[in-house]
Amino acid sequence: MVSTFIMAQSKGTPWKWLNLQKYFELLRQDDDIQYIKYFTALVEGTHKPNQETYLLAIETLPKVKIILGKFKQKTVRCRVKECDFGGTRFFQTMEEKHTDVNIALHMLHDSVFNECDRLVLVSGDSDLAPAVSMVKNLNPQKEVIVYIPANDPIRGAAVGLRSLADKHGTLPNNLFRHAQFPHSILDNKGRWISKPISW
């Protein structure tokens, strides 16, 4: 029995209309996948309609559960010394909140309550290292596999996560093309939704 936790997937590729369930069934062909938990936060702005359409698409997948965090506005100070802008050095930006905490809590829950034998984490976020460590300390028999969704050697290093996992690797991009939704599908309310024209 396998729980899969996803924080990031096909960013930076042309394969964003991704059927998560099919992808992980291809990736983990010998596993009995119980559920796939997709962690995200609702965005604002020009990308909002695309995200809403994609969430409707993955809601049709029986093994996928969507867990939402949120974005919070915060004020940050520009620290670029070479900048000669004469106005305020402070600007507003958005910060995703709760996602790493949600992943950590779900990993611990599924481990402690014996929801699975193996946990598969897709993330390069070092903030999740303590959660992986605690899962292994509480239940050493639970296998933790980590996939880092980055091909860049610096961004994909994730040394802390890799060192704690039973197995680790880089999330393979070559399967994305084989796990795309059809161009148009019926959502759970019987409405047709289509792949966004651009992302």
Protein backbone atom coordinates (compact mmCIF):
# COMPACT_ATOMS: atom_id res chain seq x y z
CA MET A 1 0.00 0.00 0.00
CA VAL A 2 1.43 3.33 -1.03
CA SER A 3 0.61 6.94 -0.19
CA THR A 4 1.97 9.52 -2.61
CA PHE A 5 2.48 13.15 -1.62
CA ILE A 6 2.99 15.72 -4.34
CA MET A 7 4.05 19.33 -4.01
CA ALA A 8 5.24 19.99 -7.53
CA GLN A 9 5.01 18.15 -10.82
CA SER A 10 5.34 19.24 -14.46
CA LYS A 11 6.51 22.84 -14.00
CA GLY A 12 8.91 23.87 -16.72
CA THR A 13 7.70 21.25 -19.21
CA PRO A 14 5.04 21.39 -21.97
CA TRP A 15 3.14 18.56 -20.24
CA LYS A 16 1.12 20.46 -17.64
CA TRP A 17 -2.24 18.79 -18.47
CA LEU A 18 -0.98 15.89 -16.37
CA ASN A 19 -3.10 12.96 -15.24
CA LEU A 20 -1.44 12.44 -11.87
CA GLN A 21 -2.94 9.01 -11.29
CA LYS A 22 -1.79 7.65 -14.64
CA TYR A 23 1.65 9.20 -14.15
CA PHE A 24 2.24 7.48 -10.83
CA GLU A 25 0.81 4.21 -12.05
CA LEU A 26 3.46 4.33 -14.78
CA LEU A 27 6.19 5.44 -12.39
CA ARG A 28 5.37 2.95 -9.62
CA GLN A 29 4.09 -0.03 -11.59
CA ASP A 30 4.73 -2.58 -8.84
CA ASP A 31 3.01 -0.58 -6.11
CA ASP A 32 -0.56 -0.82 -4.89
CA ILE A 33 -1.27 2.92 -4.82
CA GLN A 34 -3.94 3.77 -2.25
CA TYR A 35 -4.12 7.48 -2.87
CA ILE A 36 -2.22 10.42 -4.27
CA LYS A 37 -2.34 13.65 -2.31
CA TYR A 38 -1.79 16.81 -4.32
CA PHE A 39 -0.85 19.84 -2.23
CA THR A 40 -1.28 23.31 -3.68
CA ALA A 41 -2.68 26.76 -2.94
CA LEU A 42 -5.21 28.76 -4.92
CA VAL A 43 -3.55 31.46 -6.97
CA GLU A 44 -4.84 34.86 -8.05
CA GLY A 45 -4.24 36.72 -11.29
CA THR A 46 -3.86 35.53 -14.86
CA HIS A 47 -3.08 31.90 -13.98
CA LYS A 48 -6.18 31.42 -11.83
CA PRO A 49 -8.50 30.08 -14.61
CA ASN A 50 -5.87 27.55 -15.69
CA GLN A 51 -5.41 26.29 -12.14
CA GLU A 52 -9.16 26.05 -11.59
CA THR A 53 -9.54 24.01 -14.79
CA TYR A 54 -6.68 21.69 -13.83
CA LEU A 55 -8.10 21.12 -10.34
CA LEU A 56 -11.45 20.20 -11.89
CA ALA A 57 -9.61 17.72 -14.11
CA ILE A 58 -7.72 15.98 -11.33
CA GLU A 59 -10.83 15.88 -9.13
CA THR A 60 -12.13 13.28 -11.60
CA LEU A 61 -9.33 10.89 -10.64
CA PRO A 62 -10.53 8.41 -7.96
CA LYS A 63 -7.20 8.10 -6.15
CA VAL A 64 -6.28 11.80 -6.09
CA LYS A 65 -7.06 14.02 -3.12
CA ILE A 66 -6.46 17.77 -3.30
CA ILE A 67 -5.24 19.46 -0.10
CA LEU A 68 -5.25 23.24 -0.25
CA GLY A 69 -3.02 25.72 1.50
CA LYS A 70 -3.23 29.42 0.81
CA PHE A 71 -1.25 32.41 -0.36
CA LYS A 72 -0.62 35.26 2.05
CA GLN A 73 0.52 38.73 1.07
CA LYS A 74 3.69 39.96 2.72
CA THR A 75 5.94 42.99 2.49
CA VAL A 76 9.59 42.43 1.60
CA ARG A 77 12.49 44.82 1.25
CA CYS A 78 14.53 45.04 -1.94
CA ARG A 79 18.13 44.13 -1.10
CA VAL A 80 19.69 44.70 -4.52
CA LYS A 81 22.47 47.16 -3.73
CA GLU A 82 22.98 48.15 -7.37
CA CYS A 83 19.34 49.21 -7.80
CA ASP A 84 19.03 53.00 -8.28
CA PHE A 85 15.23 53.15 -8.01
CA GLY A 86 14.37 56.30 -6.07
CA GLY A 87 11.02 55.13 -4.69
CA THR A 88 10.18 52.83 -1.82
CA ARG A 89 12.47 49.86 -1.26
CA PHE A 90 9.56 47.76 -0.05
CA PHE A 91 7.13 45.82 -2.22
CA GLN A 92 4.30 43.33 -1.87
CA THR A 93 4.65 39.67 -2.79
CA MET A 94 2.70 36.48 -2.20
CA GLU A 95 3.95 33.61 -0.06
CA GLU A 96 2.48 30.12 -0.10
CA LYS A 97 1.47 29.04 3.38
CA HIS A 98 0.66 25.70 5.02
CA THR A 99 1.72 23.46 2.12
CA ASP A 100 4.84 21.99 3.71
CA VAL A 101 3.07 21.71 7.07
CA ASN A 102 0.14 19.93 5.43
CA ILE A 103 2.47 17.46 3.71
CA ALA A 104 4.33 16.76 6.95
CA LEU A 105 1.12 16.18 8.90
CA HIS A 106 -0.32 13.85 6.27
CA MET A 107 2.89 11.85 6.12
CA LEU A 108 2.89 11.39 9.88
CA HIS A 109 -0.83 10.56 9.95
CA ASP A 110 -0.57 7.90 7.27
CA SER A 111 2.50 6.41 8.90
CA VAL A 112 1.24 6.37 12.50
CA PHE A 113 -2.22 5.07 11.60
CA ASN A 114 -0.76 2.42 9.29
CA GLU A 115 -2.46 3.75 6.17
CA CYS A 116 0.40 2.52 4.02
CA ASP A 117 3.61 0.53 3.89
CA ARG A 118 5.44 3.01 1.70
CA LEU A 119 5.30 6.79 1.31
CA VAL A 120 6.40 8.50 -1.89
CA LEU A 121 7.21 12.19 -1.55
CA VAL A 122 7.62 14.44 -4.58
CA SER A 123 9.36 17.57 -3.36
CA GLY A 124 12.76 19.20 -3.08
CA ASP A 125 11.76 21.31 -0.08
CA SER A 126 14.29 20.80 2.71
CA ASP A 127 11.68 21.95 5.23
CA LEU A 128 10.19 18.46 4.88
CA ALA A 129 13.35 16.74 6.11
CA PRO A 130 12.19 16.71 9.78
CA ALA A 131 8.92 15.04 8.74
CA VAL A 132 10.76 12.31 6.85
CA SER A 133 13.07 11.84 9.82
CA MET A 134 10.16 11.55 12.25
CA VAL A 135 8.34 9.03 10.05
CA LYS A 136 11.47 6.87 10.04
CA ASN A 137 12.00 7.27 13.79
CA LEU A 138 8.41 6.38 14.65
CA ASN A 139 8.06 3.59 12.09
CA PRO A 140 11.44 2.40 10.81
CA GLN A 141 9.70 -0.31 8.76
CA LYS A 142 7.89 2.31 6.65
CA GLU A 143 9.74 2.94 3.43
CA VAL A 144 10.10 6.56 2.34
CA ILE A 145 10.94 7.27 -1.28
CA VAL A 146 11.72 10.82 -2.39
CA TYR A 147 11.57 12.16 -5.95
CA ILE A 148 13.06 15.60 -6.51
CA PRO A 149 11.18 17.49 -9.28
CA ALA A 150 14.19 19.40 -10.61
CA ASN A 151 16.80 18.51 -13.19
CA ASP A 152 19.01 21.46 -12.27
CA PRO A 153 21.89 20.03 -10.18
CA ILE A 154 21.75 22.90 -7.69
CA ARG A 155 17.97 23.08 -7.21
CA GLY A 156 17.75 19.31 -7.37
CA ALA A 157 20.47 18.61 -4.84
CA ALA A 158 18.11 18.35 -1.83
CA VAL A 159 20.86 16.64 0.12
CA GLY A 160 18.91 16.65 3.39
CA LEU A 161 15.87 14.92 1.93
CA ARG A 162 17.86 12.45 -0.10
CA SER A 163 20.00 11.41 2.87
CA LEU A 164 16.96 10.59 4.99
CA ALA A 165 15.00 8.64 2.39
CA ASP A 166 15.27 4.90 1.89
CA LYS A 167 15.44 5.57 -1.85
CA HIS A 168 15.63 8.77 -3.84
CA GLY A 169 15.83 10.00 -7.39
CA THR A 170 14.95 12.81 -9.77
CA LEU A 171 11.33 12.82 -10.91
CA PRO A 172 11.47 11.50 -14.50
CA ASN A 173 10.12 13.89 -17.12
CA ASN A 174 10.00 11.25 -19.83
CA LEU A 175 6.74 9.82 -18.47
CA PHE A 176 4.84 13.12 -18.58
CA ARG A 177 3.97 12.83 -22.27
CA HIS A 178 2.42 9.39 -21.67
CA ALA A 179 0.17 10.58 -18.82
CA GLN A 180 -1.74 13.50 -20.30
CA PHE A 181 -5.49 13.96 -20.00
CA PRO A 182 -7.49 13.92 -23.25
CA HIS A 183 -7.91 17.44 -24.64
CA SER A 184 -11.49 17.60 -23.26
CA ILE A 185 -12.97 15.63 -20.38
CA LEU A 186 -16.14 15.60 -18.31
CA ASP A 187 -15.75 16.95 -14.79
CA ASN A 188 -17.53 15.49 -11.75
CA LYS A 189 -20.61 17.59 -12.48
CA GLY A 190 -20.91 16.39 -16.07
CA ARG A 191 -19.51 19.57 -17.62
CA TRP A 192 -16.94 19.53 -20.39
CA ILE A 193 -13.61 21.10 -19.53
CA SER A 194 -10.72 21.55 -21.93
CA LYS A 195 -6.97 21.87 -21.69
CA PRO A 196 -6.03 25.56 -21.34
CA ILE A 197 -4.74 27.10 -24.55
CA SER A 198 -1.68 28.50 -22.79
CA TRP A 199 -0.18 28.23 -19.32
